[in-house]
Amino acid sequence: DVTNLLAKENFDPHRLTLEITEGVL
């Protein structure tokens, strides 16, 4: 979903940072 969104919006993936909490770890 994220990959397709970036391709659709022509957004540079290197500009995007996803923030997660340690709960998922």
mmCIF file of all heavy atoms, coordinates in Angstrom:
data_MODEL
# 
_entry.id   MODEL 
# 
loop_
_atom_site.group_PDB 
_atom_site.id 
_atom_site.type_symbol 
_atom_site.label_atom_id 
_atom_site.label_alt_id 
_atom_site.label_comp_id 
_atom_site.label_asym_id 
_atom_site.label_entity_id 
_atom_site.label_seq_id 
_atom_site.pdbx_PDB_ins_code 
_atom_site.Cartn_x 
_atom_site.Cartn_y 
_atom_site.Cartn_z 
_atom_site.occupancy 
_atom_site.B_iso_or_equiv 
_atom_site.pdbx_formal_charge 
_atom_site.auth_seq_id 
_atom_site.auth_comp_id 
_atom_site.auth_asym_id 
_atom_site.auth_atom_id 
_atom_site.pdbx_PDB_model_num 
ATOM 1   N N   . ASP A 1 1  ? 0.836  -1.206 0.000   1.00 0.00 ? 1  ASP A N   1 
ATOM 2   C CA  . ASP A 1 1  ? 0.000  0.000  0.000   1.00 0.00 ? 1  ASP A CA  1 
ATOM 3   C C   . ASP A 1 1  ? 0.873  1.259  0.000   1.00 0.00 ? 1  ASP A C   1 
ATOM 4   O O   . ASP A 1 1  ? 0.624  2.206  -0.753  1.00 0.00 ? 1  ASP A O   1 
ATOM 5   C CB  . ASP A 1 1  ? -0.930 0.004  1.219   1.00 0.00 ? 1  ASP A CB  1 
ATOM 6   C CG  . ASP A 1 1  ? -2.008 -1.056 1.128   1.00 0.00 ? 1  ASP A CG  1 
ATOM 7   O OD1 . ASP A 1 1  ? -2.241 -1.556 0.022   1.00 0.00 ? 1  ASP A OD1 1 
ATOM 8   O OD2 . ASP A 1 1  ? -2.612 -1.388 2.168   1.00 0.00 ? 1  ASP A OD2 1 
ATOM 9   N N   . VAL A 1 2  ? 1.904  1.291  0.853   1.00 0.00 ? 2  VAL A N   1 
ATOM 10  C CA  . VAL A 1 2  ? 2.785  2.463  0.916   1.00 0.00 ? 2  VAL A CA  1 
ATOM 11  C C   . VAL A 1 2  ? 3.560  2.618  -0.391  1.00 0.00 ? 2  VAL A C   1 
ATOM 12  O O   . VAL A 1 2  ? 3.690  3.724  -0.938  1.00 0.00 ? 2  VAL A O   1 
ATOM 13  C CB  . VAL A 1 2  ? 3.740  2.347  2.122   1.00 0.00 ? 2  VAL A CB  1 
ATOM 14  C CG1 . VAL A 1 2  ? 4.754  3.480  2.112   1.00 0.00 ? 2  VAL A CG1 1 
ATOM 15  C CG2 . VAL A 1 2  ? 2.954  2.352  3.424   1.00 0.00 ? 2  VAL A CG2 1 
ATOM 16  N N   . THR A 1 3  ? 4.076  1.512  -0.904  1.00 0.00 ? 3  THR A N   1 
ATOM 17  C CA  . THR A 1 3  ? 4.843  1.572  -2.154  1.00 0.00 ? 3  THR A CA  1 
ATOM 18  C C   . THR A 1 3  ? 3.987  2.099  -3.303  1.00 0.00 ? 3  THR A C   1 
ATOM 19  O O   . THR A 1 3  ? 4.418  2.958  -4.081  1.00 0.00 ? 3  THR A O   1 
ATOM 20  C CB  . THR A 1 3  ? 5.390  0.177  -2.493  1.00 0.00 ? 3  THR A CB  1 
ATOM 21  O OG1 . THR A 1 3  ? 6.185  -0.308 -1.402  1.00 0.00 ? 3  THR A OG1 1 
ATOM 22  C CG2 . THR A 1 3  ? 6.240  0.221  -3.739  1.00 0.00 ? 3  THR A CG2 1 
ATOM 23  N N   . ASN A 1 4  ? 2.767  1.579  -3.421  1.00 0.00 ? 4  ASN A N   1 
ATOM 24  C CA  . ASN A 1 4  ? 1.874  2.021  -4.501  1.00 0.00 ? 4  ASN A CA  1 
ATOM 25  C C   . ASN A 1 4  ? 1.501  3.490  -4.338  1.00 0.00 ? 4  ASN A C   1 
ATOM 26  O O   . ASN A 1 4  ? 1.384  4.221  -5.327  1.00 0.00 ? 4  ASN A O   1 
ATOM 27  C CB  . ASN A 1 4  ? 0.611  1.155  -4.523  1.00 0.00 ? 4  ASN A CB  1 
ATOM 28  C CG  . ASN A 1 4  ? 0.911  -0.282 -4.874  1.00 0.00 ? 4  ASN A CG  1 
ATOM 29  O OD1 . ASN A 1 4  ? 1.919  -0.574 -5.527  1.00 0.00 ? 4  ASN A OD1 1 
ATOM 30  N ND2 . ASN A 1 4  ? 0.054  -1.200 -4.457  1.00 0.00 ? 4  ASN A ND2 1 
ATOM 31  N N   . LEU A 1 5  ? 1.308  3.929  -3.085  1.00 0.00 ? 5  LEU A N   1 
ATOM 32  C CA  . LEU A 1 5  ? 0.960  5.331  -2.846  1.00 0.00 ? 5  LEU A CA  1 
ATOM 33  C C   . LEU A 1 5  ? 2.094  6.252  -3.287  1.00 0.00 ? 5  LEU A C   1 
ATOM 34  O O   . LEU A 1 5  ? 1.860  7.271  -3.955  1.00 0.00 ? 5  LEU A O   1 
ATOM 35  C CB  . LEU A 1 5  ? 0.648  5.539  -1.365  1.00 0.00 ? 5  LEU A CB  1 
ATOM 36  C CG  . LEU A 1 5  ? 0.412  6.988  -0.911  1.00 0.00 ? 5  LEU A CG  1 
ATOM 37  C CD1 . LEU A 1 5  ? -0.782 7.587  -1.633  1.00 0.00 ? 5  LEU A CD1 1 
ATOM 38  C CD2 . LEU A 1 5  ? 0.223  7.046  0.607   1.00 0.00 ? 5  LEU A CD2 1 
ATOM 39  N N   . LEU A 1 6  ? 3.325  5.933  -2.917  1.00 0.00 ? 6  LEU A N   1 
ATOM 40  C CA  . LEU A 1 6  ? 4.469  6.765  -3.310  1.00 0.00 ? 6  LEU A CA  1 
ATOM 41  C C   . LEU A 1 6  ? 4.614  6.828  -4.825  1.00 0.00 ? 6  LEU A C   1 
ATOM 42  O O   . LEU A 1 6  ? 4.909  7.886  -5.397  1.00 0.00 ? 6  LEU A O   1 
ATOM 43  C CB  . LEU A 1 6  ? 5.747  6.227  -2.671  1.00 0.00 ? 6  LEU A CB  1 
ATOM 44  C CG  . LEU A 1 6  ? 5.837  6.327  -1.135  1.00 0.00 ? 6  LEU A CG  1 
ATOM 45  C CD1 . LEU A 1 6  ? 7.099  5.645  -0.641  1.00 0.00 ? 6  LEU A CD1 1 
ATOM 46  C CD2 . LEU A 1 6  ? 5.800  7.771  -0.678  1.00 0.00 ? 6  LEU A CD2 1 
ATOM 47  N N   . ALA A 1 7  ? 4.407  5.689  -5.485  1.00 0.00 ? 7  ALA A N   1 
ATOM 48  C CA  . ALA A 1 7  ? 4.504  5.674  -6.950  1.00 0.00 ? 7  ALA A CA  1 
ATOM 49  C C   . ALA A 1 7  ? 3.387  6.498  -7.580  1.00 0.00 ? 7  ALA A C   1 
ATOM 50  O O   . ALA A 1 7  ? 3.621  7.256  -8.538  1.00 0.00 ? 7  ALA A O   1 
ATOM 51  C CB  . ALA A 1 7  ? 4.462  4.231  -7.453  1.00 0.00 ? 7  ALA A CB  1 
ATOM 52  N N   . LYS A 1 8  ? 2.199  6.380  -7.045  1.00 0.00 ? 8  LYS A N   1 
ATOM 53  C CA  . LYS A 1 8  ? 1.062  7.120  -7.592  1.00 0.00 ? 8  LYS A CA  1 
ATOM 54  C C   . LYS A 1 8  ? 1.239  8.624  -7.436  1.00 0.00 ? 8  LYS A C   1 
ATOM 55  O O   . LYS A 1 8  ? 0.930  9.404  -8.349  1.00 0.00 ? 8  LYS A O   1 
ATOM 56  C CB  . LYS A 1 8  ? -0.225 6.658  -6.897  1.00 0.00 ? 8  LYS A CB  1 
ATOM 57  C CG  . LYS A 1 8  ? -1.466 7.383  -7.369  1.00 0.00 ? 8  LYS A CG  1 
ATOM 58  C CD  . LYS A 1 8  ? -2.694 6.903  -6.614  1.00 0.00 ? 8  LYS A CD  1 
ATOM 59  C CE  . LYS A 1 8  ? -3.933 7.680  -7.036  1.00 0.00 ? 8  LYS A CE  1 
ATOM 60  N NZ  . LYS A 1 8  ? -5.139 7.245  -6.262  1.00 0.00 ? 8  LYS A NZ  1 
ATOM 61  N N   . GLU A 1 9  ? 1.749  9.054  -6.266  1.00 0.00 ? 9  GLU A N   1 
ATOM 62  C CA  . GLU A 1 9  ? 1.907  10.484 -6.003  1.00 0.00 ? 9  GLU A CA  1 
ATOM 63  C C   . GLU A 1 9  ? 3.264  11.021 -6.468  1.00 0.00 ? 9  GLU A C   1 
ATOM 64  O O   . GLU A 1 9  ? 3.544  12.209 -6.302  1.00 0.00 ? 9  GLU A O   1 
ATOM 65  C CB  . GLU A 1 9  ? 1.744  10.749 -4.495  1.00 0.00 ? 9  GLU A CB  1 
ATOM 66  C CG  . GLU A 1 9  ? 0.391  10.367 -3.937  1.00 0.00 ? 9  GLU A CG  1 
ATOM 67  C CD  . GLU A 1 9  ? -0.743 11.181 -4.539  1.00 0.00 ? 9  GLU A CD  1 
ATOM 68  O OE1 . GLU A 1 9  ? -0.473 12.319 -4.994  1.00 0.00 ? 9  GLU A OE1 1 
ATOM 69  O OE2 . GLU A 1 9  ? -1.875 10.677 -4.570  1.00 0.00 ? 9  GLU A OE2 1 
ATOM 70  N N   . ASN A 1 10 ? 4.113  10.119 -7.024  1.00 0.00 ? 10 ASN A N   1 
ATOM 71  C CA  . ASN A 1 10 ? 5.449  10.531 -7.501  1.00 0.00 ? 10 ASN A CA  1 
ATOM 72  C C   . ASN A 1 10 ? 6.222  11.247 -6.388  1.00 0.00 ? 10 ASN A C   1 
ATOM 73  O O   . ASN A 1 10 ? 6.805  12.318 -6.593  1.00 0.00 ? 10 ASN A O   1 
ATOM 74  C CB  . ASN A 1 10 ? 5.316  11.426 -8.735  1.00 0.00 ? 10 ASN A CB  1 
ATOM 75  C CG  . ASN A 1 10 ? 6.645  11.578 -9.455  1.00 0.00 ? 10 ASN A CG  1 
ATOM 76  O OD1 . ASN A 1 10 ? 7.526  10.715 -9.349  1.00 0.00 ? 10 ASN A OD1 1 
ATOM 77  N ND2 . ASN A 1 10 ? 6.799  12.674 -10.180 1.00 0.00 ? 10 ASN A ND2 1 
ATOM 78  N N   . PHE A 1 11 ? 6.213  10.637 -5.197  1.00 0.00 ? 11 PHE A N   1 
ATOM 79  C CA  . PHE A 1 11 ? 6.868  11.226 -4.025  1.00 0.00 ? 11 PHE A CA  1 
ATOM 80  C C   . PHE A 1 11 ? 8.163  10.471 -3.747  1.00 0.00 ? 11 PHE A C   1 
ATOM 81  O O   . PHE A 1 11 ? 8.178  9.227  -3.714  1.00 0.00 ? 11 PHE A O   1 
ATOM 82  C CB  . PHE A 1 11 ? 5.932  11.137 -2.820  1.00 0.00 ? 11 PHE A CB  1 
ATOM 83  C CG  . PHE A 1 11 ? 6.396  11.937 -1.629  1.00 0.00 ? 11 PHE A CG  1 
ATOM 84  C CD1 . PHE A 1 11 ? 6.103  13.285 -1.529  1.00 0.00 ? 11 PHE A CD1 1 
ATOM 85  C CD2 . PHE A 1 11 ? 7.126  11.339 -0.605  1.00 0.00 ? 11 PHE A CD2 1 
ATOM 86  C CE1 . PHE A 1 11 ? 6.521  14.030 -0.432  1.00 0.00 ? 11 PHE A CE1 1 
ATOM 87  C CE2 . PHE A 1 11 ? 7.546  12.063 0.495   1.00 0.00 ? 11 PHE A CE2 1 
ATOM 88  C CZ  . PHE A 1 11 ? 7.238  13.424 0.577   1.00 0.00 ? 11 PHE A CZ  1 
ATOM 89  N N   . ASP A 1 12 ? 9.244  11.206 -3.530  1.00 0.00 ? 12 ASP A N   1 
ATOM 90  C CA  . ASP A 1 12 ? 10.558 10.599 -3.288  1.00 0.00 ? 12 ASP A CA  1 
ATOM 91  C C   . ASP A 1 12 ? 10.543 9.841  -1.958  1.00 0.00 ? 12 ASP A C   1 
ATOM 92  O O   . ASP A 1 12 ? 10.344 10.444 -0.894  1.00 0.00 ? 12 ASP A O   1 
ATOM 93  C CB  . ASP A 1 12 ? 11.622 11.698 -3.247  1.00 0.00 ? 12 ASP A CB  1 
ATOM 94  C CG  . ASP A 1 12 ? 13.022 11.115 -3.066  1.00 0.00 ? 12 ASP A CG  1 
ATOM 95  O OD1 . ASP A 1 12 ? 13.164 9.876  -3.057  1.00 0.00 ? 12 ASP A OD1 1 
ATOM 96  O OD2 . ASP A 1 12 ? 13.972 11.910 -2.921  1.00 0.00 ? 12 ASP A OD2 1 
ATOM 97  N N   . PRO A 1 13 ? 10.747 8.506  -1.982  1.00 0.00 ? 13 PRO A N   1 
ATOM 98  C CA  . PRO A 1 13 ? 10.722 7.734  -0.728  1.00 0.00 ? 13 PRO A CA  1 
ATOM 99  C C   . PRO A 1 13 ? 11.769 8.197  0.273   1.00 0.00 ? 13 PRO A C   1 
ATOM 100 O O   . PRO A 1 13 ? 11.576 8.041  1.486   1.00 0.00 ? 13 PRO A O   1 
ATOM 101 C CB  . PRO A 1 13 ? 10.997 6.297  -1.188  1.00 0.00 ? 13 PRO A CB  1 
ATOM 102 C CG  . PRO A 1 13 ? 10.666 6.278  -2.643  1.00 0.00 ? 13 PRO A CG  1 
ATOM 103 C CD  . PRO A 1 13 ? 10.967 7.646  -3.148  1.00 0.00 ? 13 PRO A CD  1 
ATOM 104 N N   . HIS A 1 14 ? 12.889 8.788  -0.194  1.00 0.00 ? 14 HIS A N   1 
ATOM 105 C CA  . HIS A 1 14 ? 13.951 9.202  0.717   1.00 0.00 ? 14 HIS A CA  1 
ATOM 106 C C   . HIS A 1 14 ? 13.529 10.402 1.572   1.00 0.00 ? 14 HIS A C   1 
ATOM 107 O O   . HIS A 1 14 ? 14.181 10.709 2.573   1.00 0.00 ? 14 HIS A O   1 
ATOM 108 C CB  . HIS A 1 14 ? 15.218 9.540  -0.069  1.00 0.00 ? 14 HIS A CB  1 
ATOM 109 C CG  . HIS A 1 14 ? 15.787 8.359  -0.795  1.00 0.00 ? 14 HIS A CG  1 
ATOM 110 N ND1 . HIS A 1 14 ? 15.368 7.977  -2.056  1.00 0.00 ? 14 HIS A ND1 1 
ATOM 111 C CD2 . HIS A 1 14 ? 16.731 7.441  -0.423  1.00 0.00 ? 14 HIS A CD2 1 
ATOM 112 C CE1 . HIS A 1 14 ? 16.038 6.908  -2.442  1.00 0.00 ? 14 HIS A CE1 1 
ATOM 113 N NE2 . HIS A 1 14 ? 16.867 6.546  -1.475  1.00 0.00 ? 14 HIS A NE2 1 
ATOM 114 N N   . ARG A 1 15 ? 12.458 11.088 1.177   1.00 0.00 ? 15 ARG A N   1 
ATOM 115 C CA  . ARG A 1 15 ? 11.961 12.208 1.973   1.00 0.00 ? 15 ARG A CA  1 
ATOM 116 C C   . ARG A 1 15 ? 11.019 11.754 3.091   1.00 0.00 ? 15 ARG A C   1 
ATOM 117 O O   . ARG A 1 15 ? 10.657 12.554 3.958   1.00 0.00 ? 15 ARG A O   1 
ATOM 118 C CB  . ARG A 1 15 ? 11.201 13.192 1.073   1.00 0.00 ? 15 ARG A CB  1 
ATOM 119 C CG  . ARG A 1 15 ? 12.064 13.933 0.076   1.00 0.00 ? 15 ARG A CG  1 
ATOM 120 C CD  . ARG A 1 15 ? 11.205 14.871 -0.762  1.00 0.00 ? 15 ARG A CD  1 
ATOM 121 N NE  . ARG A 1 15 ? 10.459 15.806 0.084   1.00 0.00 ? 15 ARG A NE  1 
ATOM 122 C CZ  . ARG A 1 15 ? 9.379  16.475 -0.308  1.00 0.00 ? 15 ARG A CZ  1 
ATOM 123 N NH1 . ARG A 1 15 ? 8.906  16.297 -1.538  1.00 0.00 ? 15 ARG A NH1 1 
ATOM 124 N NH2 . ARG A 1 15 ? 8.763  17.306 0.519   1.00 0.00 ? 15 ARG A NH2 1 
ATOM 125 N N   . LEU A 1 16 ? 10.595 10.489 3.072   1.00 0.00 ? 16 LEU A N   1 
ATOM 126 C CA  . LEU A 1 16 ? 9.579  10.009 4.009   1.00 0.00 ? 16 LEU A CA  1 
ATOM 127 C C   . LEU A 1 16 ? 10.221 9.243  5.162   1.00 0.00 ? 16 LEU A C   1 
ATOM 128 O O   . LEU A 1 16 ? 11.062 8.364  4.956   1.00 0.00 ? 16 LEU A O   1 
ATOM 129 C CB  . LEU A 1 16 ? 8.577  9.094  3.288   1.00 0.00 ? 16 LEU A CB  1 
ATOM 130 C CG  . LEU A 1 16 ? 7.480  8.479  4.150   1.00 0.00 ? 16 LEU A CG  1 
ATOM 131 C CD1 . LEU A 1 16 ? 6.580  9.558  4.755   1.00 0.00 ? 16 LEU A CD1 1 
ATOM 132 C CD2 . LEU A 1 16 ? 6.648  7.488  3.336   1.00 0.00 ? 16 LEU A CD2 1 
ATOM 133 N N   . THR A 1 17 ? 9.820  9.609  6.376   1.00 0.00 ? 17 THR A N   1 
ATOM 134 C CA  . THR A 1 17 ? 10.217 8.873  7.583   1.00 0.00 ? 17 THR A CA  1 
ATOM 135 C C   . THR A 1 17 ? 8.944  8.400  8.284   1.00 0.00 ? 17 THR A C   1 
ATOM 136 O O   . THR A 1 17 ? 8.039  9.201  8.546   1.00 0.00 ? 17 THR A O   1 
ATOM 137 C CB  . THR A 1 17 ? 11.018 9.756  8.545   1.00 0.00 ? 17 THR A CB  1 
ATOM 138 O OG1 . THR A 1 17 ? 12.217 10.186 7.904   1.00 0.00 ? 17 THR A OG1 1 
ATOM 139 C CG2 . THR A 1 17 ? 11.379 8.983  9.813   1.00 0.00 ? 17 THR A CG2 1 
ATOM 140 N N   . LEU A 1 18 ? 8.882  7.106  8.559   1.00 0.00 ? 18 LEU A N   1 
ATOM 141 C CA  . LEU A 1 18 ? 7.747  6.532  9.286   1.00 0.00 ? 18 LEU A CA  1 
ATOM 142 C C   . LEU A 1 18 ? 8.155  6.348  10.740  1.00 0.00 ? 18 LEU A C   1 
ATOM 143 O O   . LEU A 1 18 ? 9.185  5.721  11.030  1.00 0.00 ? 18 LEU A O   1 
ATOM 144 C CB  . LEU A 1 18 ? 7.330  5.191  8.675   1.00 0.00 ? 18 LEU A CB  1 
ATOM 145 C CG  . LEU A 1 18 ? 6.849  5.248  7.221   1.00 0.00 ? 18 LEU A CG  1 
ATOM 146 C CD1 . LEU A 1 18 ? 6.470  3.857  6.739   1.00 0.00 ? 18 LEU A CD1 1 
ATOM 147 C CD2 . LEU A 1 18 ? 5.674  6.198  7.068   1.00 0.00 ? 18 LEU A CD2 1 
ATOM 148 N N   . GLU A 1 19 ? 7.362  6.893  11.655  1.00 0.00 ? 19 GLU A N   1 
ATOM 149 C CA  . GLU A 1 19 ? 7.668  6.821  13.083  1.00 0.00 ? 19 GLU A CA  1 
ATOM 150 C C   . GLU A 1 19 ? 6.823  5.734  13.731  1.00 0.00 ? 19 GLU A C   1 
ATOM 151 O O   . GLU A 1 19 ? 5.600  5.690  13.547  1.00 0.00 ? 19 GLU A O   1 
ATOM 152 C CB  . GLU A 1 19 ? 7.388  8.169  13.755  1.00 0.00 ? 19 GLU A CB  1 
ATOM 153 C CG  . GLU A 1 19 ? 8.254  9.296  13.216  1.00 0.00 ? 19 GLU A CG  1 
ATOM 154 C CD  . GLU A 1 19 ? 8.042  10.596 13.982  1.00 0.00 ? 19 GLU A CD  1 
ATOM 155 O OE1 . GLU A 1 19 ? 7.333  10.558 15.025  1.00 0.00 ? 19 GLU A OE1 1 
ATOM 156 O OE2 . GLU A 1 19 ? 8.567  11.632 13.559  1.00 0.00 ? 19 GLU A OE2 1 
ATOM 157 N N   . ILE A 1 20 ? 7.477  4.837  14.462  1.00 0.00 ? 20 ILE A N   1 
ATOM 158 C CA  . ILE A 1 20 ? 6.782  3.765  15.166  1.00 0.00 ? 20 ILE A CA  1 
ATOM 159 C C   . ILE A 1 20 ? 7.220  3.753  16.618  1.00 0.00 ? 20 ILE A C   1 
ATOM 160 O O   . ILE A 1 20 ? 8.314  4.204  16.956  1.00 0.00 ? 20 ILE A O   1 
ATOM 161 C CB  . ILE A 1 20 ? 7.054  2.384  14.522  1.00 0.00 ? 20 ILE A CB  1 
ATOM 162 C CG1 . ILE A 1 20 ? 8.542  2.048  14.575  1.00 0.00 ? 20 ILE A CG1 1 
ATOM 163 C CG2 . ILE A 1 20 ? 6.540  2.331  13.101  1.00 0.00 ? 20 ILE A CG2 1 
ATOM 164 C CD1 . ILE A 1 20 ? 8.865  0.654  14.094  1.00 0.00 ? 20 ILE A CD1 1 
ATOM 165 N N   . THR A 1 21 ? 6.351  3.237  17.474  1.00 0.00 ? 21 THR A N   1 
ATOM 166 C CA  . THR A 1 21 ? 6.695  3.071  18.887  1.00 0.00 ? 21 THR A CA  1 
ATOM 167 C C   . THR A 1 21 ? 7.224  1.670  19.113  1.00 0.00 ? 21 THR A C   1 
ATOM 168 O O   . THR A 1 21 ? 7.086  0.785  18.266  1.00 0.00 ? 21 THR A O   1 
ATOM 169 C CB  . THR A 1 21 ? 5.464  3.313  19.775  1.00 0.00 ? 21 THR A CB  1 
ATOM 170 O OG1 . THR A 1 21 ? 4.438  2.387  19.408  1.00 0.00 ? 21 THR A OG1 1 
ATOM 171 C CG2 . THR A 1 21 ? 4.946  4.731  19.613  1.00 0.00 ? 21 THR A CG2 1 
ATOM 172 N N   . GLU A 1 22 ? 7.822  1.457  20.259  1.00 0.00 ? 22 GLU A N   1 
ATOM 173 C CA  . GLU A 1 22 ? 8.459  0.165  20.536  1.00 0.00 ? 22 GLU A CA  1 
ATOM 174 C C   . GLU A 1 22 ? 7.454  -0.955 20.762  1.00 0.00 ? 22 GLU A C   1 
ATOM 175 O O   . GLU A 1 22 ? 7.830  -2.129 20.804  1.00 0.00 ? 22 GLU A O   1 
ATOM 176 C CB  . GLU A 1 22 ? 9.343  0.282  21.771  1.00 0.00 ? 22 GLU A CB  1 
ATOM 177 C CG  . GLU A 1 22 ? 8.537  0.575  23.045  1.00 0.00 ? 22 GLU A CG  1 
ATOM 178 C CD  . GLU A 1 22 ? 9.442  0.901  24.213  1.00 0.00 ? 22 GLU A CD  1 
ATOM 179 O OE1 . GLU A 1 22 ? 10.394 1.664  24.032  1.00 0.00 ? 22 GLU A OE1 1 
ATOM 180 O OE2 . GLU A 1 22 ? 9.188  0.367  25.279  1.00 0.00 ? 22 GLU A OE2 1 
ATOM 181 N N   . GLY A 1 23 ? 6.157  -0.623 20.876  1.00 0.00 ? 23 GLY A N   1 
ATOM 182 C CA  . GLY A 1 23 ? 5.164  -1.670 21.146  1.00 0.00 ? 23 GLY A CA  1 
ATOM 183 C C   . GLY A 1 23 ? 5.154  -2.742 20.078  1.00 0.00 ? 23 GLY A C   1 
ATOM 184 O O   . GLY A 1 23 ? 5.035  -3.933 20.365  1.00 0.00 ? 23 GLY A O   1 
ATOM 185 N N   . VAL A 1 24 ? 5.312  -2.346 18.819  1.00 0.00 ? 24 VAL A N   1 
ATOM 186 C CA  . VAL A 1 24 ? 5.285  -3.326 17.736  1.00 0.00 ? 24 VAL A CA  1 
ATOM 187 C C   . VAL A 1 24 ? 6.508  -4.236 17.770  1.00 0.00 ? 24 VAL A C   1 
ATOM 188 O O   . VAL A 1 24 ? 6.469  -5.378 17.331  1.00 0.00 ? 24 VAL A O   1 
ATOM 189 C CB  . VAL A 1 24 ? 5.179  -2.604 16.378  1.00 0.00 ? 24 VAL A CB  1 
ATOM 190 C CG1 . VAL A 1 24 ? 6.462  -1.859 16.060  1.00 0.00 ? 24 VAL A CG1 1 
ATOM 191 C CG2 . VAL A 1 24 ? 4.852  -3.582 15.266  1.00 0.00 ? 24 VAL A CG2 1 
ATOM 192 N N   . LEU A 1 25 ? 7.619  -3.721 18.326  1.00 0.00 ? 25 LEU A N   1 
ATOM 193 C CA  . LEU A 1 25 ? 8.828  -4.539 18.403  1.00 0.00 ? 25 LEU A CA  1 
ATOM 194 C C   . LEU A 1 25 ? 8.669  -5.662 19.410  1.00 0.00 ? 25 LEU A C   1 
ATOM 195 O O   . LEU A 1 25 ? 9.350  -6.684 19.338  1.00 0.00 ? 25 LEU A O   1 
ATOM 196 C CB  . LEU A 1 25 ? 10.028 -3.672 18.785  1.00 0.00 ? 25 LEU A CB  1 
ATOM 197 C CG  . LEU A 1 25 ? 10.212 -2.374 17.980  1.00 0.00 ? 25 LEU A CG  1 
ATOM 198 C CD1 . LEU A 1 25 ? 11.467 -1.666 18.438  1.00 0.00 ? 25 LEU A CD1 1 
ATOM 199 C CD2 . LEU A 1 25 ? 10.259 -2.679 16.499  1.00 0.00 ? 25 LEU A CD2 1 
# 
